[in-house]
C-alpha atoms as a PDB file:
ATOM      1  CA  MET A   1       0.000  -0.035  -0.027  1.00  0.00           C
ATOM      2  CA  GLU A   2       1.400   3.390  -0.969  1.00  0.00           C
ATOM      3  CA  CYS A   3       1.789   6.083   1.703  1.00  0.00           C
ATOM      4  CA  MET A   4      -0.781   8.814   1.369  1.00  0.00           C
ATOM      5  CA  ASN A   5       1.328  11.587   2.969  1.00  0.00           C
ATOM      6  CA  ARG A   6       3.815  11.642   0.129  1.00  0.00           C
ATOM      7  CA  THR A   7       5.318  15.067  -0.829  1.00  0.00           C
ATOM      8  CA  PRO A   8       5.892  15.766  -4.503  1.00  0.00           C
ATOM      9  CA  ALA A   9       9.590  15.963  -5.500  1.00  0.00           C
ATOM     10  CA  GLY A  10       9.130  19.511  -6.791  1.00  0.00           C
ATOM     11  CA  ALA A  11       7.873  20.762  -3.360  1.00  0.00           C
ATOM     12  CA  VAL A  12      10.864  19.130  -1.584  1.00  0.00           C
ATOM     13  CA  SER A  13      13.269  20.830  -3.992  1.00  0.00           C
ATOM     14  CA  LEU A  14      11.530  24.217  -3.503  1.00  0.00           C
ATOM     15  CA  LEU A  15      11.660  23.831   0.304  1.00  0.00           C
ATOM     16  CA  ALA A  16      15.310  22.939   0.142  1.00  0.00           C
ATOM     17  CA  ARG A  17      16.133  26.002  -1.992  1.00  0.00           C
ATOM     18  CA  LEU A  18      14.142  28.332   0.328  1.00  0.00           C
ATOM     19  CA  GLY A  19      15.970  26.890   3.332  1.00  0.00           C
ATOM     20  CA  ALA A  20      19.338  27.453   1.656  1.00  0.00           C
ATOM     21  CA  VAL A  21      18.410  31.070   0.864  1.00  0.00           C
ATOM     22  CA  LEU A  22      17.278  31.732   4.485  1.00  0.00           C
ATOM     23  CA  ILE A  23      20.515  30.292   5.857  1.00  0.00           C
ATOM     24  CA  ALA A  24      22.610  32.363   3.430  1.00  0.00           C
ATOM     25  CA  ALA A  25      20.657  35.534   4.327  1.00  0.00           C
ATOM     26  CA  THR A  26      20.982  34.919   8.004  1.00  0.00           C
ATOM     27  CA  SER A  27      24.713  34.175   7.748  1.00  0.00           C
ATOM     28  CA  ALA A  28      25.351  37.385   5.733  1.00  0.00           C
ATOM     29  CA  ALA A  29      23.361  39.435   8.289  1.00  0.00           C
ATOM     30  CA  CYS A  30      25.310  38.079  11.255  1.00  0.00           C
ATOM     31  CA  GLY A  31      28.791  38.091   9.589  1.00  0.00           C
ATOM     32  CA  PRO A  32      31.466  40.662  10.227  1.00  0.00           C
ATOM     33  CA  GLN A  33      30.621  44.209   9.265  1.00  0.00           C
ATOM     34  CA  VAL A  34      33.166  46.671   7.864  1.00  0.00           C
ATOM     35  CA  ILE A  35      33.418  49.732  10.037  1.00  0.00           C
ATOM     36  CA  GLU A  36      33.269  53.055   8.109  1.00  0.00           C
ATOM     37  CA  GLY A  37      32.917  56.669   9.098  1.00  0.00           C
ATOM     38  CA  ARG A  38      34.410  56.306  12.611  1.00  0.00           C
ATOM     39  CA  PRO A  39      36.704  59.188  13.656  1.00  0.00           C
ATOM     40  CA  PRO A  40      40.358  58.293  14.259  1.00  0.00           C
ATOM     41  CA  PHE A  41      41.640  57.733  17.803  1.00  0.00           C
ATOM     42  CA  ILE A  42      44.244  60.353  18.383  1.00  0.00           C
ATOM     43  CA  GLY A  43      46.585  60.095  21.293  1.00  0.00           C
ATOM     44  CA  ILE A  44      49.742  61.708  22.634  1.00  0.00           C
ATOM     45  CA  SER A  45      52.484  59.229  21.903  1.00  0.00           C
ATOM     46  CA  ALA A  46      55.310  61.424  23.255  1.00  0.00           C
ATOM     47  CA  MET A  47      55.952  64.915  24.532  1.00  0.00           C
ATOM     48  CA  GLN A  48      59.364  66.469  25.190  1.00  0.00           C
ATOM     49  CA  LEU A  49      60.519  69.813  26.465  1.00  0.00           C
ATOM     50  CA  VAL A  50      64.050  70.353  25.109  1.00  0.00           C
ATOM     51  CA  GLY A  51      65.558  73.766  25.682  1.00  0.00           C
ATOM     52  CA  GLU A  52      63.017  76.278  24.357  1.00  0.00           C
ATOM     53  CA  THR A  53      61.113  73.791  22.134  1.00  0.00           C
ATOM     54  CA  LEU A  54      58.120  71.635  23.021  1.00  0.00           C
ATOM     55  CA  SER A  55      57.916  68.566  20.684  1.00  0.00           C
ATOM     56  CA  ALA A  56      54.754  66.523  20.668  1.00  0.00           C
ATOM     57  CA  SER A  57      54.030  63.329  18.672  1.00  0.00           C
ATOM     58  CA  PHE A  58      50.468  62.285  18.020  1.00  0.00           C
ATOM     59  CA  ARG A  59      49.423  58.786  17.007  1.00  0.00           C
ATOM     60  CA  ILE A  60      46.426  58.802  14.655  1.00  0.00           C
ATOM     61  CA  SER A  61      44.773  55.336  14.560  1.00  0.00           C
ATOM     62  CA  ASN A  62      42.256  54.526  11.844  1.00  0.00           C
ATOM     63  CA  GLU A  63      39.789  52.240  13.469  1.00  0.00           C
ATOM     64  CA  ASN A  64      37.814  51.707  10.181  1.00  0.00           C
ATOM     65  CA  GLY A  65      37.909  48.730   7.940  1.00  0.00           C
ATOM     66  CA  VAL A  66      38.664  51.009   4.953  1.00  0.00           C
ATOM     67  CA  PRO A  67      41.557  53.450   4.330  1.00  0.00           C
ATOM     68  CA  MET A  68      41.228  57.073   5.628  1.00  0.00           C
ATOM     69  CA  ASP A  69      42.446  59.985   3.615  1.00  0.00           C
ATOM     70  CA  ILE A  70      42.941  63.011   5.956  1.00  0.00           C
ATOM     71  CA  GLU A  71      42.957  66.430   4.301  1.00  0.00           C
ATOM     72  CA  ALA A  72      43.222  68.661   7.446  1.00  0.00           C
ATOM     73  CA  ILE A  73      43.691  68.324  11.186  1.00  0.00           C
ATOM     74  CA  ASP A  74      42.970  70.481  14.204  1.00  0.00           C
ATOM     75  CA  ILE A  75      44.381  69.194  17.497  1.00  0.00           C
ATOM     76  CA  GLU A  76      44.564  71.053  20.816  1.00  0.00           C
ATOM     77  CA  VAL A  77      46.006  69.795  24.064  1.00  0.00           C
ATOM     78  CA  THR A  78      45.101  71.812  27.150  1.00  0.00           C
ATOM     79  CA  VAL A  79      45.889  71.602  30.895  1.00  0.00           C
ATOM     80  CA  ASN A  80      43.822  73.814  33.219  1.00  0.00           C
ATOM     81  CA  ASP A  81      42.871  76.090  30.249  1.00  0.00           C
ATOM     82  CA  VAL A  82      46.534  76.432  29.213  1.00  0.00           C
ATOM     83  CA  VAL A  83      47.239  75.251  25.678  1.00  0.00           C
ATOM     84  CA  LEU A  84      50.197  72.887  25.718  1.00  0.00           C
ATOM     85  CA  ALA A  85      50.259  71.996  22.012  1.00  0.00           C
ATOM     86  CA  ARG A  86      48.202  72.884  19.006  1.00  0.00           C
ATOM     87  CA  GLU A  87      48.278  71.831  15.316  1.00  0.00           C
ATOM     88  CA  ASN A  88      45.781  73.270  12.810  1.00  0.00           C
ATOM     89  CA  LYS A  89      46.664  72.782   9.223  1.00  0.00           C
ATOM     90  CA  ALA A  90      45.857  71.286   5.888  1.00  0.00           C
ATOM     91  CA  PHE A  91      47.906  68.346   4.825  1.00  0.00           C
ATOM     92  CA  LYS A  92      47.597  64.954   3.130  1.00  0.00           C
ATOM     93  CA  LEU A  93      47.843  61.920   5.242  1.00  0.00           C
ATOM     94  CA  ALA A  94      46.679  58.466   4.056  1.00  0.00           C
ATOM     95  CA  ILE A  95      46.147  55.828   6.764  1.00  0.00           C
ATOM     96  CA  ASP A  96      45.465  52.191   5.869  1.00  0.00           C
ATOM     97  CA  ALA A  97      42.476  50.321   7.320  1.00  0.00           C
ATOM     98  CA  ASN A  98      43.040  49.383  10.926  1.00  0.00           C
ATOM     99  CA  SER A  99      46.434  50.997  11.156  1.00  0.00           C
ATOM    100  CA  ALA A 100      48.144  54.106  12.470  1.00  0.00           C
ATOM    101  CA  GLU A 101      50.472  56.984  11.557  1.00  0.00           C
ATOM    102  CA  GLU A 102      52.223  59.617  13.640  1.00  0.00           C
ATOM    103  CA  ILE A 103      52.545  63.343  13.213  1.00  0.00           C
ATOM    104  CA  HIS A 104      55.016  65.572  15.040  1.00  0.00           C
ATOM    105  CA  VAL A 105      54.513  69.108  16.244  1.00  0.00           C
ATOM    106  CA  ASP A 106      57.327  71.448  17.377  1.00  0.00           C
ATOM    107  CA  GLU A 107      56.565  74.774  18.827  1.00  0.00           C
ATOM    108  CA  LEU A 108      57.877  77.367  21.274  1.00  0.00           C
ATOM    109  CA  PRO A 109      55.806  77.101  24.448  1.00  0.00           C
ATOM    110  CA  GLY A 110      54.639  80.105  26.395  1.00  0.00           C
ATOM    111  CA  PRO A 111      55.616  80.741  30.045  1.00  0.00           C
ATOM    112  CA  ALA A 112      52.467  79.072  31.448  1.00  0.00           C
ATOM    113  CA  THR A 113      53.158  75.920  29.408  1.00  0.00           C
ATOM    114  CA  ARG A 114      56.787  75.735  30.483  1.00  0.00           C
ATOM    115  CA  GLU A 115      55.818  76.265  34.164  1.00  0.00           C
ATOM    116  CA  LEU A 116      53.290  73.418  34.046  1.00  0.00           C
ATOM    117  CA  LEU A 117      55.671  71.004  32.404  1.00  0.00           C
ATOM    118  CA  LEU A 118      58.574  71.946  34.694  1.00  0.00           C
ATOM    119  CA  SER A 119      56.366  71.402  37.758  1.00  0.00           C
ATOM    120  CA  LEU A 120      55.650  67.888  36.438  1.00  0.00           C
ATOM    121  CA  GLU A 121      59.332  67.248  35.596  1.00  0.00           C
ATOM    122  CA  ASN A 122      60.410  68.379  39.024  1.00  0.00           C
ATOM    123  CA  ARG A 123      57.751  66.146  40.612  1.00  0.00           C
ATOM    124  CA  GLU A 124      55.944  69.086  42.289  1.00  0.00           C
ATOM    125  CA  VAL A 125      52.780  67.417  40.913  1.00  0.00           C
ATOM    126  CA  ALA A 126      52.314  63.724  40.209  1.00  0.00           C
ATOM    127  CA  SER A 127      50.480  64.221  36.912  1.00  0.00           C
ATOM    128  CA  LEU A 128      48.828  66.900  34.787  1.00  0.00           C
ATOM    129  CA  PRO A 129      45.227  66.312  33.684  1.00  0.00           C
ATOM    130  CA  PHE A 130      44.901  67.091  30.021  1.00  0.00           C
ATOM    131  CA  SER A 131      42.108  67.425  27.439  1.00  0.00           C
ATOM    132  CA  LEU A 132      42.901  66.584  23.827  1.00  0.00           C
ATOM    133  CA  GLN A 133      40.269  67.622  21.343  1.00  0.00           C
ATOM    134  CA  GLY A 134      39.775  68.542  17.703  1.00  0.00           C
ATOM    135  CA  ASN A 135      38.762  67.168  14.400  1.00  0.00           C
ATOM    136  CA  VAL A 136      40.010  65.776  11.154  1.00  0.00           C
ATOM    137  CA  ARG A 137      38.657  66.471   7.665  1.00  0.00           C
ATOM    138  CA  THR A 138      38.577  63.396   5.496  1.00  0.00           C
ATOM    139  CA  LEU A 139      37.961  62.936   1.894  1.00  0.00           C
ATOM    140  CA  ALA A 140      35.163  60.332   2.344  1.00  0.00           C
ATOM    141  CA  ASP A 141      33.511  61.305   5.571  1.00  0.00           C
ATOM    142  CA  GLY A 142      33.945  65.083   5.983  1.00  0.00           C
ATOM    143  CA  VAL A 143      34.689  66.462   9.447  1.00  0.00           C
ATOM    144  CA  LEU A 144      35.103  63.899  12.223  1.00  0.00           C
ATOM    145  CA  ARG A 145      35.364  65.193  15.800  1.00  0.00           C
ATOM    146  CA  PHE A 146      37.329  63.576  18.657  1.00  0.00           C
ATOM    147  CA  GLU A 147      37.845  64.368  22.316  1.00  0.00           C
ATOM    148  CA  GLN A 148      39.600  62.633  25.154  1.00  0.00           C
ATOM    149  CA  LYS A 149      40.842  63.261  28.679  1.00  0.00           C
ATOM    150  CA  GLY A 150      43.843  61.774  30.369  1.00  0.00           C
ATOM    151  CA  HIS A 151      46.984  62.523  32.433  1.00  0.00           C
ATOM    152  CA  LEU A 152      50.519  63.442  31.514  1.00  0.00           C
ATOM    153  CA  TYR A 153      53.310  61.791  33.557  1.00  0.00           C
ATOM    154  CA  PRO A 154      57.044  62.306  33.648  1.00  0.00           C
ATOM    155  CA  VAL A 155      59.102  59.504  32.071  1.00  0.00           C
ATOM    156  CA  PRO A 156      61.385  58.085  34.768  1.00  0.00           C
ATOM    157  CA  GLY A 157      65.081  58.706  34.171  1.00  0.00           C
ATOM    158  CA  LYS A 158      64.403  60.946  31.054  1.00  0.00           C
ATOM    159  CA  PRO A 159      64.271  64.603  32.043  1.00  0.00           C
ATOM    160  CA  GLY A 160      61.913  66.711  29.948  1.00  0.00           C
ATOM    161  CA  GLU A 161      60.053  63.676  28.523  1.00  0.00           C
ATOM    162  CA  PHE A 162      56.370  62.989  29.261  1.00  0.00           C
ATOM    163  CA  ARG A 163      53.937  60.252  28.482  1.00  0.00           C
ATOM    164  CA  SER A 164      50.173  60.098  28.555  1.00  0.00           C
ATOM    165  CA  ALA A 165      47.458  57.795  29.782  1.00  0.00           C
ATOM    166  CA  VAL A 166      43.923  58.230  28.418  1.00  0.00           C
ATOM    167  CA  THR A 167      41.169  57.948  30.955  1.00  0.00           C
ATOM    168  CA  GLN A 168      38.107  58.835  28.866  1.00  0.00           C
ATOM    169  CA  ALA A 169      37.395  59.183  25.175  1.00  0.00           C
ATOM    170  CA  ASP A 170      34.218  61.184  24.262  1.00  0.00           C
ATOM    171  CA  GLU A 171      32.458  62.696  21.386  1.00  0.00           C
ATOM    172  CA  LEU A 172      33.850  60.484  18.652  1.00  0.00           C
ATOM    173  CA  ARG A 173      31.366  61.554  15.981  1.00  0.00           C
ATOM    174  CA  ARG A 174      30.854  62.923  12.491  1.00  0.00           C
ATOM    175  CA  GLU A 175      30.141  66.638  12.330  1.00  0.00           C
ATOM    176  CA  LYS A 176      27.225  67.719  10.233  1.00  0.00           C
ATOM    177  CA  GLU A 177      28.249  69.236   6.888  1.00  0.00           C
ATOM    178  CA  LEU A 178      27.585  73.011   6.727  1.00  0.00           C
END
């Protein structure tokens, strides 16, 4: 006797194809996503007071899964409303996906900046709380804003050299185009 609940072969084939399509769609939706449009993470990689010159190196990390082409940068580091270092200029900097580059800034610090850094170097204070903020203008994403807070510390055994530790990163966002 033949089974009465028999499914036609075409229906089985159609159900198998629909199942395969659903599995493929679900896998694609849950797969890794390429990050785009995220501002770079910019940190102080080194700061030195040598004679009359303050040298600062900034590490610019592209946290996107695509290359970032920077056209201009505006960075300002402040301690207690005193500007320690500032860079605001147009320049070309290409950073590969998920990698980093460094830029260097040399300037003549004012008396208030020198006084703050010397108090840190002479261990009159344990650290200096800083704010680093600014933006980059990129070819693909326009103006991207960044802001972070941290502390500067003297480098043991290296007079005039300072390092940073970030304690909080805020406002990593794309600015609206004007």
